[in-house]
Amino acid sequence: MRSIQDLTTALRQIFKYLSVPSDDERAAAYLEQAGDLIDLEMRVREIDRGRMRGAS
């Protein structure tokens, strides 16, 4: 039974890496890479501008 659970977990991870991330997932990953508060602020503003351009 344990091996089936391990196989299921491994398959979920593989499919997660193969799937295309959503815009929100990409934005979250981008924000997580910020080095400090100033960098975070700039990244948030950049994401907001990108979304505003896409909505227009």
C-alpha atoms as a PDB file:
ATOM      1  CA  MET A   1       0.000   0.000   0.000  1.00  0.00           C
ATOM      2  CA  ARG A   2       2.839   2.374   0.786  1.00  0.00           C
ATOM      3  CA  SER A   3       4.313   2.008  -2.689  1.00  0.00           C
ATOM      4  CA  ILE A   4       1.021   3.042  -4.314  1.00  0.00           C
ATOM      5  CA  GLN A   5       0.942   6.215  -2.217  1.00  0.00           C
ATOM      6  CA  ASP A   6       4.546   6.970  -3.139  1.00  0.00           C
ATOM      7  CA  LEU A   7       3.774   6.415  -6.819  1.00  0.00           C
ATOM      8  CA  THR A   8       0.731   8.686  -6.602  1.00  0.00           C
ATOM      9  CA  THR A   9       2.761  11.417  -4.922  1.00  0.00           C
ATOM     10  CA  ALA A  10       5.497  11.138  -7.535  1.00  0.00           C
ATOM     11  CA  LEU A  11       2.985  11.309 -10.395  1.00  0.00           C
ATOM     12  CA  ARG A  12       1.345  14.421  -8.900  1.00  0.00           C
ATOM     13  CA  GLN A  13       4.720  16.135  -8.690  1.00  0.00           C
ATOM     14  CA  ILE A  14       5.537  15.211 -12.285  1.00  0.00           C
ATOM     15  CA  PHE A  15       2.206  16.557 -13.563  1.00  0.00           C
ATOM     16  CA  LYS A  16       2.672  19.704 -11.472  1.00  0.00           C
ATOM     17  CA  TYR A  17       6.035  20.381 -13.138  1.00  0.00           C
ATOM     18  CA  LEU A  18       4.655  19.619 -16.601  1.00  0.00           C
ATOM     19  CA  SER A  19       1.601  21.839 -16.294  1.00  0.00           C
ATOM     20  CA  VAL A  20       1.660  25.461 -17.406  1.00  0.00           C
ATOM     21  CA  PRO A  21       1.453  27.759 -14.381  1.00  0.00           C
ATOM     22  CA  SER A  22      -1.388  30.243 -14.205  1.00  0.00           C
ATOM     23  CA  ASP A  23      -0.758  33.983 -14.203  1.00  0.00           C
ATOM     24  CA  ASP A  24      -1.308  34.079 -10.446  1.00  0.00           C
ATOM     25  CA  GLU A  25       1.169  31.232  -9.860  1.00  0.00           C
ATOM     26  CA  ARG A  26       3.795  32.952 -12.007  1.00  0.00           C
ATOM     27  CA  ALA A  27       3.223  36.253 -10.191  1.00  0.00           C
ATOM     28  CA  ALA A  28       3.545  34.551  -6.796  1.00  0.00           C
ATOM     29  CA  ALA A  29       6.783  32.838  -7.832  1.00  0.00           C
ATOM     30  CA  TYR A  30       8.128  36.159  -9.135  1.00  0.00           C
ATOM     31  CA  LEU A  31       7.299  37.898  -5.850  1.00  0.00           C
ATOM     32  CA  GLU A  32       8.924  35.131  -3.805  1.00  0.00           C
ATOM     33  CA  GLN A  33      12.227  35.895  -5.534  1.00  0.00           C
ATOM     34  CA  ALA A  34      12.321  39.462  -4.182  1.00  0.00           C
ATOM     35  CA  GLY A  35      15.465  40.134  -2.185  1.00  0.00           C
ATOM     36  CA  ASP A  36      14.197  42.961   0.026  1.00  0.00           C
ATOM     37  CA  LEU A  37      11.175  45.201   0.565  1.00  0.00           C
ATOM     38  CA  ILE A  38      12.167  47.675  -2.130  1.00  0.00           C
ATOM     39  CA  ASP A  39      12.577  44.876  -4.665  1.00  0.00           C
ATOM     40  CA  LEU A  40       9.237  43.429  -3.566  1.00  0.00           C
ATOM     41  CA  GLU A  41       7.522  46.812  -4.014  1.00  0.00           C
ATOM     42  CA  MET A  42       8.962  47.204  -7.512  1.00  0.00           C
ATOM     43  CA  ARG A  43       7.896  43.693  -8.475  1.00  0.00           C
ATOM     44  CA  VAL A  44       4.344  44.250  -7.191  1.00  0.00           C
ATOM     45  CA  ARG A  45       4.087  47.466  -9.214  1.00  0.00           C
ATOM     46  CA  GLU A  46       5.449  45.718 -12.304  1.00  0.00           C
ATOM     47  CA  ILE A  47       2.849  42.955 -11.984  1.00  0.00           C
ATOM     48  CA  ASP A  48       0.058  45.513 -11.472  1.00  0.00           C
ATOM     49  CA  ARG A  49       1.104  47.437 -14.590  1.00  0.00           C
ATOM     50  CA  GLY A  50       1.215  44.224 -16.612  1.00  0.00           C
ATOM     51  CA  ARG A  51      -2.278  43.259 -15.531  1.00  0.00           C
ATOM     52  CA  MET A  52      -3.624  46.714 -16.272  1.00  0.00           C
ATOM     53  CA  ARG A  53      -2.159  46.585 -19.782  1.00  0.00           C
ATOM     54  CA  GLY A  54      -3.641  43.121 -20.331  1.00  0.00           C
ATOM     55  CA  ALA A  55      -7.091  44.249 -19.152  1.00  0.00           C
ATOM     56  CA  SER A  56      -7.237  47.218 -21.505  1.00  0.00           C
END
